[in-house]
Amino acid sequence: MYYEGIKEVQYTMIAKERETKRDKFIRLAEARTNKIIDMIQLLGNCSNAATYDYTQQDVDKIFTAIETELREAKKKFAKTESSKGTRFTLK
């Protein structure tokens, strides 16, 4: 039984070494996205006013922080060239 566990770990390590960049992206992006979705759903549980006391200001701060980080992450995926070094024109 223990030996089979070692074989499984060795197989997984070999498979990851042969993993393409696309496969690695899919594996990690899916796992991380699902974690984020789970956390957002857990956050939604805090909306139960019978259990928690919060203000609209608290809610606004929470979602402002989340939206800010989401925009920053999305910018990292943008395929546009950096504006650094570009010249200004009125055309």
C-alpha atoms as a PDB file:
ATOM      1  CA  MET A   1       0.000   0.000   0.000  1.00  0.00           C
ATOM      2  CA  TYR A   2       2.754   2.455   0.971  1.00  0.00           C
ATOM      3  CA  TYR A   3       4.721   1.445  -2.127  1.00  0.00           C
ATOM      4  CA  GLU A   4       1.709   2.236  -4.340  1.00  0.00           C
ATOM      5  CA  GLY A   5       1.553   5.716  -2.800  1.00  0.00           C
ATOM      6  CA  ILE A   6       5.205   6.308  -3.674  1.00  0.00           C
ATOM      7  CA  LYS A   7       4.592   5.137  -7.247  1.00  0.00           C
ATOM      8  CA  GLU A   8       1.664   7.572  -7.510  1.00  0.00           C
ATOM      9  CA  VAL A   9       3.819  10.488  -6.306  1.00  0.00           C
ATOM     10  CA  GLN A  10       6.603   9.533  -8.724  1.00  0.00           C
ATOM     11  CA  TYR A  11       4.111   9.287 -11.612  1.00  0.00           C
ATOM     12  CA  THR A  12       2.660  12.702 -10.739  1.00  0.00           C
ATOM     13  CA  MET A  13       6.137  14.259 -10.633  1.00  0.00           C
ATOM     14  CA  ILE A  14       7.020  12.794 -14.032  1.00  0.00           C
ATOM     15  CA  ALA A  15       3.686  13.921 -15.505  1.00  0.00           C
ATOM     16  CA  LYS A  16       4.240  17.485 -14.267  1.00  0.00           C
ATOM     17  CA  GLU A  17       7.735  17.532 -15.788  1.00  0.00           C
ATOM     18  CA  ARG A  18       6.195  16.713 -19.196  1.00  0.00           C
ATOM     19  CA  GLU A  19       3.319  19.120 -18.721  1.00  0.00           C
ATOM     20  CA  THR A  20       3.058  21.779 -21.432  1.00  0.00           C
ATOM     21  CA  LYS A  21       2.836  25.453 -20.564  1.00  0.00           C
ATOM     22  CA  ARG A  22      -0.813  25.410 -21.701  1.00  0.00           C
ATOM     23  CA  ASP A  23      -1.633  22.378 -19.548  1.00  0.00           C
ATOM     24  CA  LYS A  24       0.033  23.996 -16.551  1.00  0.00           C
ATOM     25  CA  PHE A  25      -1.913  27.219 -17.123  1.00  0.00           C
ATOM     26  CA  ILE A  26      -5.202  25.326 -17.333  1.00  0.00           C
ATOM     27  CA  ARG A  27      -4.462  23.279 -14.214  1.00  0.00           C
ATOM     28  CA  LEU A  28      -3.461  26.292 -12.115  1.00  0.00           C
ATOM     29  CA  ALA A  29      -6.007  28.774 -13.501  1.00  0.00           C
ATOM     30  CA  GLU A  30      -8.910  26.388 -12.941  1.00  0.00           C
ATOM     31  CA  ALA A  31      -7.836  25.568  -9.391  1.00  0.00           C
ATOM     32  CA  ARG A  32      -7.198  29.195  -8.458  1.00  0.00           C
ATOM     33  CA  THR A  33     -10.408  30.450 -10.083  1.00  0.00           C
ATOM     34  CA  ASN A  34     -12.452  27.822  -8.254  1.00  0.00           C
ATOM     35  CA  LYS A  35     -10.803  28.848  -4.959  1.00  0.00           C
ATOM     36  CA  ILE A  36     -11.732  32.475  -5.609  1.00  0.00           C
ATOM     37  CA  ILE A  37     -15.326  31.521  -6.449  1.00  0.00           C
ATOM     38  CA  ASP A  38     -15.556  29.473  -3.255  1.00  0.00           C
ATOM     39  CA  MET A  39     -14.221  32.391  -1.196  1.00  0.00           C
ATOM     40  CA  ILE A  40     -16.666  34.835  -2.794  1.00  0.00           C
ATOM     41  CA  GLN A  41     -19.515  32.465  -1.971  1.00  0.00           C
ATOM     42  CA  LEU A  42     -18.278  32.275   1.630  1.00  0.00           C
ATOM     43  CA  LEU A  43     -18.104  36.063   1.756  1.00  0.00           C
ATOM     44  CA  GLY A  44     -21.715  36.166   0.592  1.00  0.00           C
ATOM     45  CA  ASN A  45     -22.632  34.180   3.682  1.00  0.00           C
ATOM     46  CA  CYS A  46     -21.634  37.227   5.736  1.00  0.00           C
ATOM     47  CA  SER A  47     -24.648  39.042   4.308  1.00  0.00           C
ATOM     48  CA  ASN A  48     -26.967  37.274   6.738  1.00  0.00           C
ATOM     49  CA  ALA A  49     -28.192  40.202   8.839  1.00  0.00           C
ATOM     50  CA  ALA A  50     -29.617  37.827  11.448  1.00  0.00           C
ATOM     51  CA  THR A  51     -26.088  36.618  12.195  1.00  0.00           C
ATOM     52  CA  TYR A  52     -23.874  39.612  11.376  1.00  0.00           C
ATOM     53  CA  ASP A  53     -23.942  43.365  11.931  1.00  0.00           C
ATOM     54  CA  TYR A  54     -22.479  45.469   9.117  1.00  0.00           C
ATOM     55  CA  THR A  55     -23.010  48.804   7.422  1.00  0.00           C
ATOM     56  CA  GLN A  56     -23.278  49.716   3.768  1.00  0.00           C
ATOM     57  CA  GLN A  57     -19.915  51.435   4.216  1.00  0.00           C
ATOM     58  CA  ASP A  58     -18.408  48.075   5.272  1.00  0.00           C
ATOM     59  CA  VAL A  59     -19.880  46.408   2.191  1.00  0.00           C
ATOM     60  CA  ASP A  60     -18.613  49.192  -0.082  1.00  0.00           C
ATOM     61  CA  LYS A  61     -15.086  48.894   1.350  1.00  0.00           C
ATOM     62  CA  ILE A  62     -15.071  45.128   0.858  1.00  0.00           C
ATOM     63  CA  PHE A  63     -16.206  45.280  -2.753  1.00  0.00           C
ATOM     64  CA  THR A  64     -13.986  48.242  -3.603  1.00  0.00           C
ATOM     65  CA  ALA A  65     -10.972  46.244  -2.426  1.00  0.00           C
ATOM     66  CA  ILE A  66     -12.049  43.160  -4.389  1.00  0.00           C
ATOM     67  CA  GLU A  67     -12.807  45.142  -7.542  1.00  0.00           C
ATOM     68  CA  THR A  68      -9.455  46.958  -7.318  1.00  0.00           C
ATOM     69  CA  GLU A  69      -7.534  43.689  -7.089  1.00  0.00           C
ATOM     70  CA  LEU A  70      -9.613  42.172  -9.883  1.00  0.00           C
ATOM     71  CA  ARG A  71      -8.817  45.123 -12.189  1.00  0.00           C
ATOM     72  CA  GLU A  72      -5.107  44.804 -11.378  1.00  0.00           C
ATOM     73  CA  ALA A  73      -5.109  41.067 -12.101  1.00  0.00           C
ATOM     74  CA  LYS A  74      -7.006  41.632 -15.361  1.00  0.00           C
ATOM     75  CA  LYS A  75      -4.449  44.254 -16.464  1.00  0.00           C
ATOM     76  CA  LYS A  76      -1.725  41.619 -16.160  1.00  0.00           C
ATOM     77  CA  PHE A  77      -3.507  39.546 -18.808  1.00  0.00           C
ATOM     78  CA  ALA A  78      -3.907  42.466 -21.241  1.00  0.00           C
ATOM     79  CA  LYS A  79      -1.918  41.891 -24.394  1.00  0.00           C
ATOM     80  CA  THR A  80      -1.583  45.602 -25.132  1.00  0.00           C
ATOM     81  CA  GLU A  81       1.800  47.224 -25.271  1.00  0.00           C
ATOM     82  CA  SER A  82       2.905  49.341 -22.376  1.00  0.00           C
ATOM     83  CA  SER A  83       2.281  53.059 -22.795  1.00  0.00           C
ATOM     84  CA  LYS A  84       5.797  53.665 -21.461  1.00  0.00           C
ATOM     85  CA  GLY A  85       7.960  54.997 -24.241  1.00  0.00           C
ATOM     86  CA  THR A  86       5.120  55.877 -26.596  1.00  0.00           C
ATOM     87  CA  ARG A  87       4.933  59.367 -28.029  1.00  0.00           C
ATOM     88  CA  PHE A  88       2.025  61.766 -27.555  1.00  0.00           C
ATOM     89  CA  THR A  89       0.094  62.793 -30.654  1.00  0.00           C
ATOM     90  CA  LEU A  90      -3.216  64.515 -31.344  1.00  0.00           C
ATOM     91  CA  LYS A  91      -4.054  62.267 -34.301  1.00  0.00           C
END
